Amino acid sequence: MKKIFQFFKECAGELRKVTWPTRSEVFSSTKVVFISTIVVAVLLGLLDWVFTQGYSLVF
């Protein structure tokens, strides 16, 4: 039991050392991820459409 309490005590100590991002940093990072996801989804959708049209022409 002593080791479990020691583990949680050390975890809490390490979490106090963490530099947490500000609200604006989180918002900016989220925006980048959201836009990147949309761009990749559009590109994959276009590639899928191109390959489907090519497949339709061959067969």
PDB file of N, CA and C in Angstrom:
ATOM      1  N   MET A   1       0.826  -1.187   0.000  1.00  0.00           N
ATOM      2  CA  MET A   1       0.000   0.000   0.000  1.00  0.00           C
ATOM      3  C   MET A   1       0.871   1.252   0.000  1.00  0.00           C
ATOM      4  N   LYS A   2       2.016   1.174   0.656  1.00  0.00           N
ATOM      5  CA  LYS A   2       2.907   2.328   0.758  1.00  0.00           C
ATOM      6  C   LYS A   2       3.411   2.749  -0.619  1.00  0.00           C
ATOM      7  N   LYS A   3       3.690   1.758  -1.469  1.00  0.00           N
ATOM      8  CA  LYS A   3       4.195   2.064  -2.812  1.00  0.00           C
ATOM      9  C   LYS A   3       3.137   2.769  -3.661  1.00  0.00           C
ATOM     10  N   ILE A   4       1.882   2.399  -3.471  1.00  0.00           N
ATOM     11  CA  ILE A   4       0.800   3.036  -4.233  1.00  0.00           C
ATOM     12  C   ILE A   4       0.684   4.508  -3.854  1.00  0.00           C
ATOM     13  N   PHE A   5       0.728   4.802  -2.550  1.00  0.00           N
ATOM     14  CA  PHE A   5       0.660   6.202  -2.107  1.00  0.00           C
ATOM     15  C   PHE A   5       1.875   6.988  -2.592  1.00  0.00           C
ATOM     16  N   GLN A   6       3.032   6.340  -2.568  1.00  0.00           N
ATOM     17  CA  GLN A   6       4.253   6.996  -3.046  1.00  0.00           C
ATOM     18  C   GLN A   6       4.125   7.318  -4.536  1.00  0.00           C
ATOM     19  N   PHE A   7       3.564   6.389  -5.309  1.00  0.00           N
ATOM     20  CA  PHE A   7       3.374   6.595  -6.741  1.00  0.00           C
ATOM     21  C   PHE A   7       2.497   7.821  -7.004  1.00  0.00           C
ATOM     22  N   PHE A   8       1.352   7.908  -6.330  1.00  0.00           N
ATOM     23  CA  PHE A   8       0.448   9.039  -6.545  1.00  0.00           C
ATOM     24  C   PHE A   8       1.056  10.352  -6.070  1.00  0.00           C
ATOM     25  N   LYS A   9       1.834  10.298  -5.009  1.00  0.00           N
ATOM     26  CA  LYS A   9       2.507  11.495  -4.517  1.00  0.00           C
ATOM     27  C   LYS A   9       3.516  11.999  -5.546  1.00  0.00           C
ATOM     28  N   GLU A  10       4.267  11.075  -6.148  1.00  0.00           N
ATOM     29  CA  GLU A  10       5.240  11.455  -7.179  1.00  0.00           C
ATOM     30  C   GLU A  10       4.541  11.961  -8.438  1.00  0.00           C
ATOM     31  N   CYS A  11       3.418  11.349  -8.790  1.00  0.00           N
ATOM     32  CA  CYS A  11       2.648  11.822  -9.958  1.00  0.00           C
ATOM     33  C   CYS A  11       2.180  13.258  -9.745  1.00  0.00           C
ATOM     34  N   ALA A  12       1.664  13.538  -8.572  1.00  0.00           N
ATOM     35  CA  ALA A  12       1.200  14.894  -8.269  1.00  0.00           C
ATOM     36  C   ALA A  12       2.365  15.874  -8.333  1.00  0.00           C
ATOM     37  N   GLY A  13       3.522  15.475  -7.844  1.00  0.00           N
ATOM     38  CA  GLY A  13       4.702  16.334  -7.905  1.00  0.00           C
ATOM     39  C   GLY A  13       5.134  16.628  -9.331  1.00  0.00           C
ATOM     40  N   GLU A  14       5.074  15.608 -10.187  1.00  0.00           N
ATOM     41  CA  GLU A  14       5.440  15.807 -11.591  1.00  0.00           C
ATOM     42  C   GLU A  14       4.425  16.698 -12.303  1.00  0.00           C
ATOM     43  N   LEU A  15       3.152  16.547 -11.982  1.00  0.00           N
ATOM     44  CA  LEU A  15       2.131  17.374 -12.621  1.00  0.00           C
ATOM     45  C   LEU A  15       2.257  18.848 -12.232  1.00  0.00           C
ATOM     46  N   ARG A  16       2.823  19.124 -11.073  1.00  0.00           N
ATOM     47  CA  ARG A  16       3.050  20.524 -10.692  1.00  0.00           C
ATOM     48  C   ARG A  16       4.150  21.158 -11.536  1.00  0.00           C
ATOM     49  N   LYS A  17       5.034  20.341 -12.090  1.00  0.00           N
ATOM     50  CA  LYS A  17       6.137  20.844 -12.911  1.00  0.00           C
ATOM     51  C   LYS A  17       5.710  21.127 -14.360  1.00  0.00           C
ATOM     52  N   VAL A  18       4.575  20.614 -14.756  1.00  0.00           N
ATOM     53  CA  VAL A  18       4.114  20.736 -16.146  1.00  0.00           C
ATOM     54  C   VAL A  18       3.774  22.190 -16.459  1.00  0.00           C
ATOM     55  N   THR A  19       4.203  22.643 -17.638  1.00  0.00           N
ATOM     56  CA  THR A  19       3.816  23.961 -18.119  1.00  0.00           C
ATOM     57  C   THR A  19       2.584  23.773 -19.000  1.00  0.00           C
ATOM     58  N   TRP A  20       1.435  24.135 -18.492  1.00  0.00           N
ATOM     59  CA  TRP A  20       0.186  23.927 -19.204  1.00  0.00           C
ATOM     60  C   TRP A  20      -0.001  25.023 -20.245  1.00  0.00           C
ATOM     61  N   PRO A  21      -0.563  24.689 -21.414  1.00  0.00           N
ATOM     62  CA  PRO A  21      -0.786  25.711 -22.451  1.00  0.00           C
ATOM     63  C   PRO A  21      -1.878  26.693 -22.031  1.00  0.00           C
ATOM     64  N   THR A  22      -1.758  27.885 -22.574  1.00  0.00           N
ATOM     65  CA  THR A  22      -2.788  28.887 -22.301  1.00  0.00           C
ATOM     66  C   THR A  22      -4.020  28.589 -23.140  1.00  0.00           C
ATOM     67  N   ARG A  23      -5.098  29.269 -22.831  1.00  0.00           N
ATOM     68  CA  ARG A  23      -6.352  29.062 -23.563  1.00  0.00           C
ATOM     69  C   ARG A  23      -6.175  29.397 -25.046  1.00  0.00           C
ATOM     70  N   SER A  24      -5.434  30.474 -25.340  1.00  0.00           N
ATOM     71  CA  SER A  24      -5.236  30.870 -26.734  1.00  0.00           C
ATOM     72  C   SER A  24      -4.351  29.859 -27.470  1.00  0.00           C
ATOM     73  N   GLU A  25      -3.363  29.281 -26.787  1.00  0.00           N
ATOM     74  CA  GLU A  25      -2.525  28.258 -27.420  1.00  0.00           C
ATOM     75  C   GLU A  25      -3.345  27.016 -27.760  1.00  0.00           C
ATOM     76  N   VAL A  26      -4.217  26.622 -26.852  1.00  0.00           N
ATOM     77  CA  VAL A  26      -5.078  25.466 -27.103  1.00  0.00           C
ATOM     78  C   VAL A  26      -6.004  25.747 -28.278  1.00  0.00           C
ATOM     79  N   PHE A  27      -6.563  26.948 -28.324  1.00  0.00           N
ATOM     80  CA  PHE A  27      -7.469  27.313 -29.414  1.00  0.00           C
ATOM     81  C   PHE A  27      -6.725  27.303 -30.748  1.00  0.00           C
ATOM     82  N   SER A  28      -5.513  27.853 -30.783  1.00  0.00           N
ATOM     83  CA  SER A  28      -4.729  27.883 -32.016  1.00  0.00           C
ATOM     84  C   SER A  28      -4.379  26.472 -32.483  1.00  0.00           C
ATOM     85  N   SER A  29      -3.958  25.627 -31.562  1.00  0.00           N
ATOM     86  CA  SER A  29      -3.612  24.254 -31.921  1.00  0.00           C
ATOM     87  C   SER A  29      -4.832  23.488 -32.419  1.00  0.00           C
ATOM     88  N   THR A  30      -5.964  23.700 -31.775  1.00  0.00           N
ATOM     89  CA  THR A  30      -7.196  23.037 -32.199  1.00  0.00           C
ATOM     90  C   THR A  30      -7.591  23.485 -33.593  1.00  0.00           C
ATOM     91  N   LYS A  31      -7.419  24.774 -33.871  1.00  0.00           N
ATOM     92  CA  LYS A  31      -7.749  25.305 -35.192  1.00  0.00           C
ATOM     93  C   LYS A  31      -6.868  24.667 -36.266  1.00  0.00           C
ATOM     94  N   VAL A  32      -5.580  24.524 -35.983  1.00  0.00           N
ATOM     95  CA  VAL A  32      -4.657  23.907 -36.937  1.00  0.00           C
ATOM     96  C   VAL A  32      -5.055  22.465 -37.205  1.00  0.00           C
ATOM     97  N   VAL A  33      -5.377  21.718 -36.163  1.00  0.00           N
ATOM     98  CA  VAL A  33      -5.773  20.317 -36.322  1.00  0.00           C
ATOM     99  C   VAL A  33      -7.068  20.219 -37.114  1.00  0.00           C
ATOM    100  N   PHE A  34      -8.027  21.077 -36.826  1.00  0.00           N
ATOM    101  CA  PHE A  34      -9.320  21.048 -37.514  1.00  0.00           C
ATOM    102  C   PHE A  34      -9.147  21.347 -39.003  1.00  0.00           C
ATOM    103  N   ILE A  35      -8.385  22.382 -39.333  1.00  0.00           N
ATOM    104  CA  ILE A  35      -8.170  22.752 -40.739  1.00  0.00           C
ATOM    105  C   ILE A  35      -7.385  21.665 -41.461  1.00  0.00           C
ATOM    106  N   SER A  36      -6.358  21.115 -40.814  1.00  0.00           N
ATOM    107  CA  SER A  36      -5.572  20.039 -41.425  1.00  0.00           C
ATOM    108  C   SER A  36      -6.445  18.820 -41.710  1.00  0.00           C
ATOM    109  N   THR A  37      -7.326  18.498 -40.786  1.00  0.00           N
ATOM    110  CA  THR A  37      -8.218  17.356 -40.969  1.00  0.00           C
ATOM    111  C   THR A  37      -9.142  17.570 -42.157  1.00  0.00           C
ATOM    112  N   ILE A  38      -9.670  18.764 -42.294  1.00  0.00           N
ATOM    113  CA  ILE A  38     -10.552  19.064 -43.421  1.00  0.00           C
ATOM    114  C   ILE A  38      -9.791  18.984 -44.740  1.00  0.00           C
ATOM    115  N   VAL A  39      -8.570  19.532 -44.787  1.00  0.00           N
ATOM    116  CA  VAL A  39      -7.769  19.507 -46.011  1.00  0.00           C
ATOM    117  C   VAL A  39      -7.463  18.066 -46.418  1.00  0.00           C
ATOM    118  N   VAL A  40      -7.041  17.238 -45.473  1.00  0.00           N
ATOM    119  CA  VAL A  40      -6.727  15.845 -45.779  1.00  0.00           C
ATOM    120  C   VAL A  40      -7.983  15.102 -46.225  1.00  0.00           C
ATOM    121  N   ALA A  41      -9.116  15.358 -45.588  1.00  0.00           N
ATOM    122  CA  ALA A  41     -10.367  14.692 -45.974  1.00  0.00           C
ATOM    123  C   ALA A  41     -10.764  15.067 -47.395  1.00  0.00           C
ATOM    124  N   VAL A  42     -10.609  16.345 -47.755  1.00  0.00           N
ATOM    125  CA  VAL A  42     -10.947  16.781 -49.115  1.00  0.00           C
ATOM    126  C   VAL A  42     -10.006  16.129 -50.131  1.00  0.00           C
ATOM    127  N   LEU A  43      -8.711  16.108 -49.822  1.00  0.00           N
ATOM    128  CA  LEU A  43      -7.759  15.487 -50.745  1.00  0.00           C
ATOM    129  C   LEU A  43      -8.039  14.004 -50.928  1.00  0.00           C
ATOM    130  N   LEU A  44      -8.312  13.302 -49.845  1.00  0.00           N
ATOM    131  CA  LEU A  44      -8.633  11.878 -49.966  1.00  0.00           C
ATOM    132  C   LEU A  44      -9.943  11.659 -50.722  1.00  0.00           C
ATOM    133  N   GLY A  45     -10.910  12.530 -50.510  1.00  0.00           N
ATOM    134  CA  GLY A  45     -12.163  12.432 -51.250  1.00  0.00           C
ATOM    135  C   GLY A  45     -11.950  12.641 -52.739  1.00  0.00           C
ATOM    136  N   LEU A  46     -11.108  13.621 -53.090  1.00  0.00           N
ATOM    137  CA  LEU A  46     -10.808  13.861 -54.504  1.00  0.00           C
ATOM    138  C   LEU A  46     -10.061  12.677 -55.125  1.00  0.00           C
ATOM    139  N   LEU A  47      -9.096  12.135 -54.397  1.00  0.00           N
ATOM    140  CA  LEU A  47      -8.379  10.956 -54.907  1.00  0.00           C
ATOM    141  C   LEU A  47      -9.326   9.776 -55.098  1.00  0.00           C
ATOM    142  N   ASP A  48     -10.224   9.577 -54.163  1.00  0.00           N
ATOM    143  CA  ASP A  48     -11.199   8.499 -54.287  1.00  0.00           C
ATOM    144  C   ASP A  48     -12.067   8.698 -55.521  1.00  0.00           C
ATOM    145  N   TRP A  49     -12.505   9.929 -55.736  1.00  0.00           N
ATOM    146  CA  TRP A  49     -13.347  10.223 -56.899  1.00  0.00           C
ATOM    147  C   TRP A  49     -12.570   9.984 -58.194  1.00  0.00           C
ATOM    148  N   VAL A  50     -11.305  10.430 -58.255  1.00  0.00           N
ATOM    149  CA  VAL A  50     -10.486  10.248 -59.461  1.00  0.00           C
ATOM    150  C   VAL A  50     -10.287   8.764 -59.747  1.00  0.00           C
ATOM    151  N   PHE A  51      -9.944   7.992 -58.725  1.00  0.00           N
ATOM    152  CA  PHE A  51      -9.737   6.562 -58.937  1.00  0.00           C
ATOM    153  C   PHE A  51     -11.031   5.851 -59.319  1.00  0.00           C
ATOM    154  N   THR A  52     -12.140   6.279 -58.763  1.00  0.00           N
ATOM    155  CA  THR A  52     -13.435   5.674 -59.125  1.00  0.00           C
ATOM    156  C   THR A  52     -13.770   5.974 -60.580  1.00  0.00           C
ATOM    157  N   GLN A  53     -13.530   7.203 -61.014  1.00  0.00           N
ATOM    158  CA  GLN A  53     -13.789   7.550 -62.410  1.00  0.00           C
ATOM    159  C   GLN A  53     -12.853   6.781 -63.336  1.00  0.00           C
ATOM    160  N   GLY A  54     -11.591   6.650 -62.963  1.00  0.00           N
ATOM    161  CA  GLY A  54     -10.632   5.862 -63.762  1.00  0.00           C
ATOM    162  C   GLY A  54     -11.021   4.411 -63.833  1.00  0.00           C
ATOM    163  N   TYR A  55     -11.478   3.850 -62.746  1.00  0.00           N
ATOM    164  CA  TYR A  55     -11.907   2.458 -62.718  1.00  0.00           C
ATOM    165  C   TYR A  55     -13.128   2.280 -63.618  1.00  0.00           C
ATOM    166  N   SER A  56     -14.033   3.256 -63.603  1.00  0.00           N
ATOM    167  CA  SER A  56     -15.233   3.176 -64.431  1.00  0.00           C
ATOM    168  C   SER A  56     -14.882   3.211 -65.917  1.00  0.00           C
ATOM    169  N   LEU A  57     -13.862   3.970 -66.293  1.00  0.00           N
ATOM    170  CA  LEU A  57     -13.445   4.050 -67.686  1.00  0.00           C
ATOM    171  C   LEU A  57     -12.802   2.737 -68.166  1.00  0.00           C
ATOM    172  N   VAL A  58     -12.061   2.081 -67.278  1.00  0.00           N
ATOM    173  CA  VAL A  58     -11.362   0.839 -67.649  1.00  0.00           C
ATOM    174  C   VAL A  58     -12.337  -0.314 -67.711  1.00  0.00           C
ATOM    175  N   PHE A  59     -13.258  -0.412 -66.753  1.00  0.00           N
ATOM    176  CA  PHE A  59     -14.180  -1.541 -66.712  1.00  0.00           C
ATOM    177  C   PHE A  59     -15.534  -1.051 -67.001  1.00  0.00           C
TER     178      PHE A  59
END
